[in-house]
């Protein structure tokens, strides 16, 4: 995973790699890891981690984060329930971050709003 001693470009590259290897079996681990990254002191890294959370939710909804194995996760068993659960988990985490970040960093708040808007729009499109 990403270490605080990694140079910034390595940290950003590792985030990209984490989101690209996301699958049903490791999505919870990756989301927990991303949850720790949003607490970092580097605002640029936090914003990139927020966007990565959005990409993980996108992957789950698009089906690219699912696999053919029948491994059960704590999120859900059915594929539609699974993608909804992942999206909801991501949105809840981003809402919590949004509430905690108010007054601290406008950039982080703005990034949370952008990703939340994207997830809400995607959720609305998938409901129709």
N, C-alpha and C. Protein backbone atom coordinates (compact mmCIF):
# COMPACT_ATOMS: atom_id res chain seq x y z
N UNK A 1 0.83 -1.19 0.00
CA UNK A 1 0.00 0.00 0.00
C UNK A 1 0.87 1.25 0.00
N UNK A 2 0.24 2.38 0.12
CA UNK A 2 0.93 3.66 0.08
C UNK A 2 1.54 3.96 1.44
N UNK A 3 2.80 4.38 1.43
CA UNK A 3 3.49 4.73 2.66
C UNK A 3 3.66 6.24 2.72
N UNK A 4 3.65 6.78 3.92
CA UNK A 4 3.79 8.23 4.07
C UNK A 4 5.16 8.73 3.63
N UNK A 5 6.14 7.84 3.57
CA UNK A 5 7.49 8.24 3.16
C UNK A 5 7.70 8.16 1.65
N UNK A 6 6.71 7.63 0.93
CA UNK A 6 6.80 7.56 -0.53
C UNK A 6 6.78 8.97 -1.12
N UNK A 7 7.55 9.19 -2.19
CA UNK A 7 7.44 10.48 -2.89
C UNK A 7 6.02 10.66 -3.43
N UNK A 8 5.61 11.89 -3.60
CA UNK A 8 4.23 12.19 -4.02
C UNK A 8 3.84 11.47 -5.30
N UNK A 9 4.72 11.48 -6.30
CA UNK A 9 4.36 10.82 -7.56
C UNK A 9 4.16 9.33 -7.37
N UNK A 10 4.93 8.71 -6.48
CA UNK A 10 4.73 7.28 -6.20
C UNK A 10 3.41 7.04 -5.47
N UNK A 11 3.08 7.93 -4.56
CA UNK A 11 1.83 7.79 -3.81
C UNK A 11 0.64 7.87 -4.76
N UNK A 12 0.69 8.82 -5.69
CA UNK A 12 -0.41 8.99 -6.64
C UNK A 12 -0.50 7.80 -7.59
N UNK A 13 0.65 7.29 -8.02
CA UNK A 13 0.67 6.12 -8.90
C UNK A 13 0.12 4.89 -8.17
N UNK A 14 0.48 4.72 -6.92
CA UNK A 14 -0.03 3.58 -6.15
C UNK A 14 -1.54 3.65 -5.98
N UNK A 15 -2.08 4.86 -5.82
CA UNK A 15 -3.53 5.01 -5.74
C UNK A 15 -4.19 4.55 -7.04
N UNK A 16 -3.59 4.95 -8.15
CA UNK A 16 -4.11 4.55 -9.46
C UNK A 16 -4.08 3.02 -9.60
N UNK A 17 -2.99 2.41 -9.17
CA UNK A 17 -2.87 0.96 -9.24
C UNK A 17 -3.89 0.28 -8.34
N UNK A 18 -4.07 0.80 -7.13
CA UNK A 18 -5.06 0.21 -6.21
C UNK A 18 -6.45 0.20 -6.82
N UNK A 19 -6.83 1.30 -7.44
CA UNK A 19 -8.18 1.34 -8.02
C UNK A 19 -8.29 0.45 -9.25
N UNK A 20 -7.19 0.26 -9.96
CA UNK A 20 -7.27 -0.57 -11.17
C UNK A 20 -7.29 -2.07 -10.85
N UNK A 21 -6.80 -2.48 -9.69
CA UNK A 21 -6.82 -3.90 -9.33
C UNK A 21 -8.02 -4.26 -8.46
N UNK A 22 -8.91 -3.32 -8.27
CA UNK A 22 -10.07 -3.53 -7.42
C UNK A 22 -10.98 -4.60 -7.99
N UNK A 23 -11.34 -5.56 -7.15
CA UNK A 23 -12.30 -6.60 -7.53
C UNK A 23 -13.17 -6.91 -6.32
N UNK A 24 -14.14 -7.76 -6.52
CA UNK A 24 -15.11 -8.06 -5.46
C UNK A 24 -14.42 -8.61 -4.20
N UNK A 25 -13.37 -9.38 -4.39
CA UNK A 25 -12.69 -10.00 -3.26
C UNK A 25 -11.87 -9.00 -2.44
N UNK A 26 -11.40 -7.90 -3.04
CA UNK A 26 -10.54 -6.99 -2.29
C UNK A 26 -11.11 -5.59 -2.14
N UNK A 27 -12.33 -5.37 -2.58
CA UNK A 27 -12.88 -4.02 -2.58
C UNK A 27 -13.00 -3.44 -1.17
N UNK A 28 -13.35 -4.27 -0.22
CA UNK A 28 -13.47 -3.79 1.16
C UNK A 28 -12.12 -3.38 1.72
N UNK A 29 -11.09 -4.15 1.43
CA UNK A 29 -9.74 -3.83 1.89
C UNK A 29 -9.28 -2.51 1.26
N UNK A 30 -9.53 -2.37 -0.03
CA UNK A 30 -9.11 -1.15 -0.72
C UNK A 30 -9.87 0.06 -0.19
N UNK A 31 -11.16 -0.08 0.05
CA UNK A 31 -11.93 1.04 0.60
C UNK A 31 -11.45 1.42 2.00
N UNK A 32 -11.11 0.44 2.82
CA UNK A 32 -10.57 0.74 4.15
C UNK A 32 -9.23 1.45 4.05
N UNK A 33 -8.43 1.04 3.10
CA UNK A 33 -7.13 1.69 2.87
C UNK A 33 -7.33 3.13 2.40
N UNK A 34 -8.25 3.32 1.48
CA UNK A 34 -8.54 4.68 0.99
C UNK A 34 -9.08 5.56 2.12
N UNK A 35 -9.82 4.94 3.02
CA UNK A 35 -10.37 5.67 4.16
C UNK A 35 -9.25 6.25 5.03
N UNK A 36 -8.15 5.53 5.14
CA UNK A 36 -7.03 6.07 5.91
C UNK A 36 -6.29 7.17 5.15
N UNK A 37 -6.30 7.08 3.83
CA UNK A 37 -5.59 8.07 3.01
C UNK A 37 -6.26 9.43 3.04
N UNK A 38 -7.57 9.49 3.24
CA UNK A 38 -8.25 10.78 3.27
C UNK A 38 -7.94 11.57 4.53
N UNK A 39 -7.21 10.97 5.45
CA UNK A 39 -6.79 11.65 6.67
C UNK A 39 -5.38 12.21 6.57
N UNK A 40 -4.76 12.07 5.40
CA UNK A 40 -3.40 12.52 5.19
C UNK A 40 -3.30 14.04 5.28
N UNK A 41 -2.09 14.54 5.52
CA UNK A 41 -1.87 15.99 5.62
C UNK A 41 -1.74 16.65 4.27
N UNK A 42 -1.38 15.89 3.24
CA UNK A 42 -1.18 16.42 1.90
C UNK A 42 -2.54 16.55 1.20
N UNK A 43 -2.96 17.78 0.96
CA UNK A 43 -4.28 18.05 0.39
C UNK A 43 -4.43 17.43 -1.00
N UNK A 44 -3.40 17.50 -1.81
CA UNK A 44 -3.46 16.94 -3.17
C UNK A 44 -3.66 15.43 -3.10
N UNK A 45 -2.96 14.77 -2.18
CA UNK A 45 -3.10 13.33 -2.02
C UNK A 45 -4.50 12.97 -1.52
N UNK A 46 -5.03 13.75 -0.59
CA UNK A 46 -6.38 13.50 -0.07
C UNK A 46 -7.40 13.62 -1.20
N UNK A 47 -7.27 14.65 -2.02
CA UNK A 47 -8.20 14.83 -3.15
C UNK A 47 -8.10 13.67 -4.14
N UNK A 48 -6.90 13.20 -4.36
CA UNK A 48 -6.72 12.05 -5.26
C UNK A 48 -7.34 10.80 -4.65
N UNK A 49 -7.21 10.64 -3.33
CA UNK A 49 -7.83 9.49 -2.65
C UNK A 49 -9.35 9.57 -2.73
N UNK A 50 -9.90 10.77 -2.64
CA UNK A 50 -11.35 10.94 -2.76
C UNK A 50 -11.81 10.54 -4.16
N UNK A 51 -11.08 10.97 -5.18
CA UNK A 51 -11.41 10.57 -6.55
C UNK A 51 -11.28 9.06 -6.72
N UNK A 52 -10.30 8.46 -6.04
CA UNK A 52 -10.12 7.01 -6.11
C UNK A 52 -11.32 6.28 -5.51
N UNK A 53 -11.87 6.82 -4.44
CA UNK A 53 -13.08 6.24 -3.84
C UNK A 53 -14.21 6.25 -4.87
N UNK A 54 -14.33 7.35 -5.58
CA UNK A 54 -15.35 7.43 -6.64
C UNK A 54 -15.12 6.41 -7.73
N UNK A 55 -13.86 6.19 -8.11
CA UNK A 55 -13.55 5.20 -9.15
C UNK A 55 -13.86 3.78 -8.68
N UNK A 56 -13.62 3.50 -7.40
CA UNK A 56 -13.94 2.18 -6.85
C UNK A 56 -15.45 1.96 -6.90
N UNK A 57 -16.22 2.97 -6.52
CA UNK A 57 -17.68 2.85 -6.58
C UNK A 57 -18.13 2.68 -8.03
N UNK A 58 -17.53 3.43 -8.95
CA UNK A 58 -17.85 3.29 -10.38
C UNK A 58 -17.59 1.87 -10.85
N UNK A 59 -16.46 1.32 -10.46
CA UNK A 59 -16.09 -0.03 -10.89
C UNK A 59 -17.09 -1.05 -10.38
N UNK A 60 -17.57 -0.86 -9.15
CA UNK A 60 -18.54 -1.81 -8.59
C UNK A 60 -19.87 -1.71 -9.32
N UNK A 61 -20.29 -0.50 -9.64
CA UNK A 61 -21.57 -0.32 -10.32
C UNK A 61 -21.48 -0.79 -11.76
N UNK A 62 -20.35 -0.52 -12.42
CA UNK A 62 -20.17 -0.95 -13.80
C UNK A 62 -19.99 -2.45 -13.93
N UNK A 63 -19.68 -3.11 -12.82
CA UNK A 63 -19.47 -4.54 -12.85
C UNK A 63 -18.03 -4.95 -13.05
N UNK A 64 -17.13 -4.00 -13.25
CA UNK A 64 -15.73 -4.35 -13.47
C UNK A 64 -15.03 -4.76 -12.18
N UNK A 65 -15.65 -4.46 -11.04
CA UNK A 65 -15.05 -4.86 -9.77
C UNK A 65 -15.60 -6.19 -9.28
N UNK A 66 -16.43 -6.83 -10.07
CA UNK A 66 -17.01 -8.10 -9.66
C UNK A 66 -16.26 -9.25 -10.29
N UNK A 67 -16.36 -10.38 -9.68
CA UNK A 67 -15.69 -11.57 -10.23
C UNK A 67 -16.71 -12.69 -10.36
N UNK A 68 -16.27 -13.79 -10.94
CA UNK A 68 -17.16 -14.92 -11.13
C UNK A 68 -17.23 -15.85 -9.93
N UNK A 69 -16.33 -15.67 -8.96
CA UNK A 69 -16.34 -16.57 -7.81
C UNK A 69 -17.55 -16.26 -6.93
N UNK A 70 -17.89 -17.20 -6.09
CA UNK A 70 -19.05 -17.03 -5.23
C UNK A 70 -18.63 -16.70 -3.80
N UNK A 71 -17.52 -15.98 -3.66
CA UNK A 71 -17.06 -15.56 -2.35
C UNK A 71 -18.02 -14.53 -1.80
N UNK A 72 -18.51 -14.76 -0.59
CA UNK A 72 -19.42 -13.78 0.00
C UNK A 72 -18.61 -12.68 0.66
N UNK A 73 -19.14 -11.48 0.57
CA UNK A 73 -18.52 -10.33 1.24
C UNK A 73 -19.49 -9.82 2.26
N UNK A 74 -19.02 -8.93 3.12
CA UNK A 74 -19.92 -8.37 4.11
C UNK A 74 -20.80 -7.29 3.51
N UNK A 75 -20.50 -6.86 2.28
CA UNK A 75 -21.32 -5.82 1.66
C UNK A 75 -22.65 -6.38 1.16
N UNK A 76 -22.62 -7.41 0.35
CA UNK A 76 -23.85 -8.00 -0.16
C UNK A 76 -23.53 -9.24 -0.98
N UNK A 77 -24.54 -10.04 -1.29
CA UNK A 77 -24.33 -11.25 -2.07
C UNK A 77 -24.80 -11.07 -3.51
N UNK A 78 -25.98 -10.53 -3.72
CA UNK A 78 -26.53 -10.34 -5.06
C UNK A 78 -25.74 -9.22 -5.75
N UNK A 79 -25.52 -9.34 -7.08
CA UNK A 79 -24.68 -8.38 -7.78
C UNK A 79 -25.26 -6.97 -7.78
N UNK A 80 -26.57 -6.83 -7.93
CA UNK A 80 -27.15 -5.48 -7.90
C UNK A 80 -27.11 -4.91 -6.48
N UNK A 81 -27.37 -5.77 -5.49
CA UNK A 81 -27.25 -5.33 -4.09
C UNK A 81 -25.80 -4.99 -3.77
N UNK A 82 -24.90 -5.77 -4.32
CA UNK A 82 -23.46 -5.55 -4.09
C UNK A 82 -23.05 -4.17 -4.57
N UNK A 83 -23.38 -3.82 -5.82
CA UNK A 83 -22.97 -2.54 -6.37
C UNK A 83 -23.63 -1.39 -5.62
N UNK A 84 -24.88 -1.56 -5.22
CA UNK A 84 -25.58 -0.53 -4.45
C UNK A 84 -24.93 -0.37 -3.07
N UNK A 85 -24.57 -1.49 -2.45
CA UNK A 85 -23.94 -1.44 -1.14
C UNK A 85 -22.58 -0.74 -1.21
N UNK A 86 -21.81 -1.03 -2.24
CA UNK A 86 -20.50 -0.38 -2.40
C UNK A 86 -20.69 1.11 -2.61
N UNK A 87 -21.61 1.49 -3.50
CA UNK A 87 -21.86 2.91 -3.75
C UNK A 87 -22.33 3.61 -2.49
N UNK A 88 -23.24 2.97 -1.74
CA UNK A 88 -23.73 3.57 -0.50
C UNK A 88 -22.61 3.71 0.54
N UNK A 89 -21.76 2.70 0.64
CA UNK A 89 -20.63 2.77 1.56
C UNK A 89 -19.72 3.93 1.21
N UNK A 90 -19.44 4.08 -0.08
CA UNK A 90 -18.58 5.18 -0.53
C UNK A 90 -19.23 6.53 -0.26
N UNK A 91 -20.53 6.65 -0.53
CA UNK A 91 -21.22 7.91 -0.30
C UNK A 91 -21.27 8.26 1.19
N UNK A 92 -21.52 7.26 2.03
CA UNK A 92 -21.55 7.51 3.47
C UNK A 92 -20.19 7.98 3.97
N UNK A 93 -19.14 7.35 3.50
CA UNK A 93 -17.79 7.76 3.89
C UNK A 93 -17.46 9.17 3.43
N UNK A 94 -17.86 9.48 2.20
CA UNK A 94 -17.61 10.83 1.68
C UNK A 94 -18.45 11.88 2.41
N UNK A 95 -19.67 11.55 2.78
CA UNK A 95 -20.50 12.49 3.55
C UNK A 95 -19.87 12.75 4.92
N UNK A 96 -19.36 11.70 5.54
CA UNK A 96 -18.69 11.87 6.83
C UNK A 96 -17.46 12.76 6.68
N UNK A 97 -16.68 12.51 5.65
CA UNK A 97 -15.50 13.33 5.39
C UNK A 97 -15.90 14.78 5.11
N UNK A 98 -16.97 14.96 4.37
CA UNK A 98 -17.47 16.30 4.05
C UNK A 98 -17.83 17.06 5.32
N UNK A 99 -18.53 16.39 6.21
CA UNK A 99 -18.93 17.02 7.48
C UNK A 99 -17.70 17.36 8.32
N UNK A 100 -16.76 16.43 8.39
CA UNK A 100 -15.55 16.64 9.21
C UNK A 100 -14.61 17.68 8.60
N UNK A 101 -14.65 17.86 7.29
CA UNK A 101 -13.71 18.75 6.62
C UNK A 101 -14.20 20.18 6.48
N UNK A 102 -15.47 20.41 6.78
CA UNK A 102 -16.00 21.77 6.64
C UNK A 102 -15.21 22.73 7.50
N UNK A 103 -14.81 23.83 6.90
CA UNK A 103 -14.05 24.85 7.61
C UNK A 103 -12.56 24.59 7.64
N UNK A 104 -12.12 23.41 7.19
CA UNK A 104 -10.70 23.08 7.21
C UNK A 104 -10.07 23.28 5.84
N UNK A 105 -10.65 22.67 4.83
CA UNK A 105 -10.08 22.75 3.49
C UNK A 105 -11.19 22.82 2.45
N UNK A 106 -11.27 23.95 1.78
CA UNK A 106 -12.29 24.10 0.74
C UNK A 106 -12.04 23.14 -0.42
N UNK A 107 -10.78 22.85 -0.69
CA UNK A 107 -10.44 21.95 -1.79
C UNK A 107 -10.95 20.54 -1.53
N UNK A 108 -10.78 20.06 -0.32
CA UNK A 108 -11.25 18.72 0.04
C UNK A 108 -12.77 18.67 0.03
N UNK A 109 -13.41 19.70 0.55
CA UNK A 109 -14.87 19.76 0.54
C UNK A 109 -15.38 19.75 -0.89
N UNK A 110 -14.75 20.55 -1.76
CA UNK A 110 -15.16 20.61 -3.16
C UNK A 110 -14.99 19.26 -3.84
N UNK A 111 -13.90 18.58 -3.58
CA UNK A 111 -13.67 17.26 -4.19
C UNK A 111 -14.71 16.26 -3.72
N UNK A 112 -15.06 16.30 -2.43
CA UNK A 112 -16.11 15.41 -1.90
C UNK A 112 -17.44 15.67 -2.61
N UNK A 113 -17.77 16.94 -2.78
CA UNK A 113 -19.03 17.30 -3.43
C UNK A 113 -19.05 16.80 -4.87
N UNK A 114 -17.95 16.97 -5.58
CA UNK A 114 -17.88 16.53 -6.98
C UNK A 114 -18.08 15.02 -7.09
N UNK A 115 -17.39 14.27 -6.25
CA UNK A 115 -17.49 12.80 -6.31
C UNK A 115 -18.87 12.34 -5.85
N UNK A 116 -19.41 12.97 -4.82
CA UNK A 116 -20.76 12.62 -4.37
C UNK A 116 -21.78 12.89 -5.46
N UNK A 117 -21.68 14.02 -6.13
CA UNK A 117 -22.59 14.35 -7.22
C UNK A 117 -22.51 13.29 -8.32
N UNK A 118 -21.28 12.90 -8.65
CA UNK A 118 -21.07 11.88 -9.67
C UNK A 118 -21.73 10.56 -9.27
N UNK A 119 -21.55 10.15 -8.02
CA UNK A 119 -22.13 8.90 -7.55
C UNK A 119 -23.65 8.97 -7.50
N UNK A 120 -24.19 10.11 -7.08
CA UNK A 120 -25.65 10.27 -7.04
C UNK A 120 -26.25 10.24 -8.44
N UNK A 121 -25.59 10.90 -9.39
CA UNK A 121 -26.08 10.88 -10.76
C UNK A 121 -26.03 9.46 -11.33
N UNK A 122 -24.95 8.78 -11.06
CA UNK A 122 -24.80 7.41 -11.56
C UNK A 122 -25.87 6.51 -10.93
N UNK A 123 -26.12 6.69 -9.65
CA UNK A 123 -27.14 5.90 -8.95
C UNK A 123 -28.51 6.17 -9.53
N UNK A 124 -28.80 7.43 -9.85
CA UNK A 124 -30.09 7.77 -10.45
C UNK A 124 -30.23 7.17 -11.83
N UNK A 125 -29.15 7.19 -12.60
CA UNK A 125 -29.18 6.61 -13.96
C UNK A 125 -29.38 5.10 -13.91
N UNK A 126 -28.78 4.44 -12.93
CA UNK A 126 -28.92 2.99 -12.82
C UNK A 126 -30.28 2.58 -12.29
N UNK A 127 -30.97 3.49 -11.62
CA UNK A 127 -32.29 3.18 -11.09
C UNK A 127 -33.35 3.16 -12.18
N UNK A 128 -33.09 3.92 -13.26
CA UNK A 128 -34.09 4.03 -14.35
C UNK A 128 -34.04 2.89 -15.28
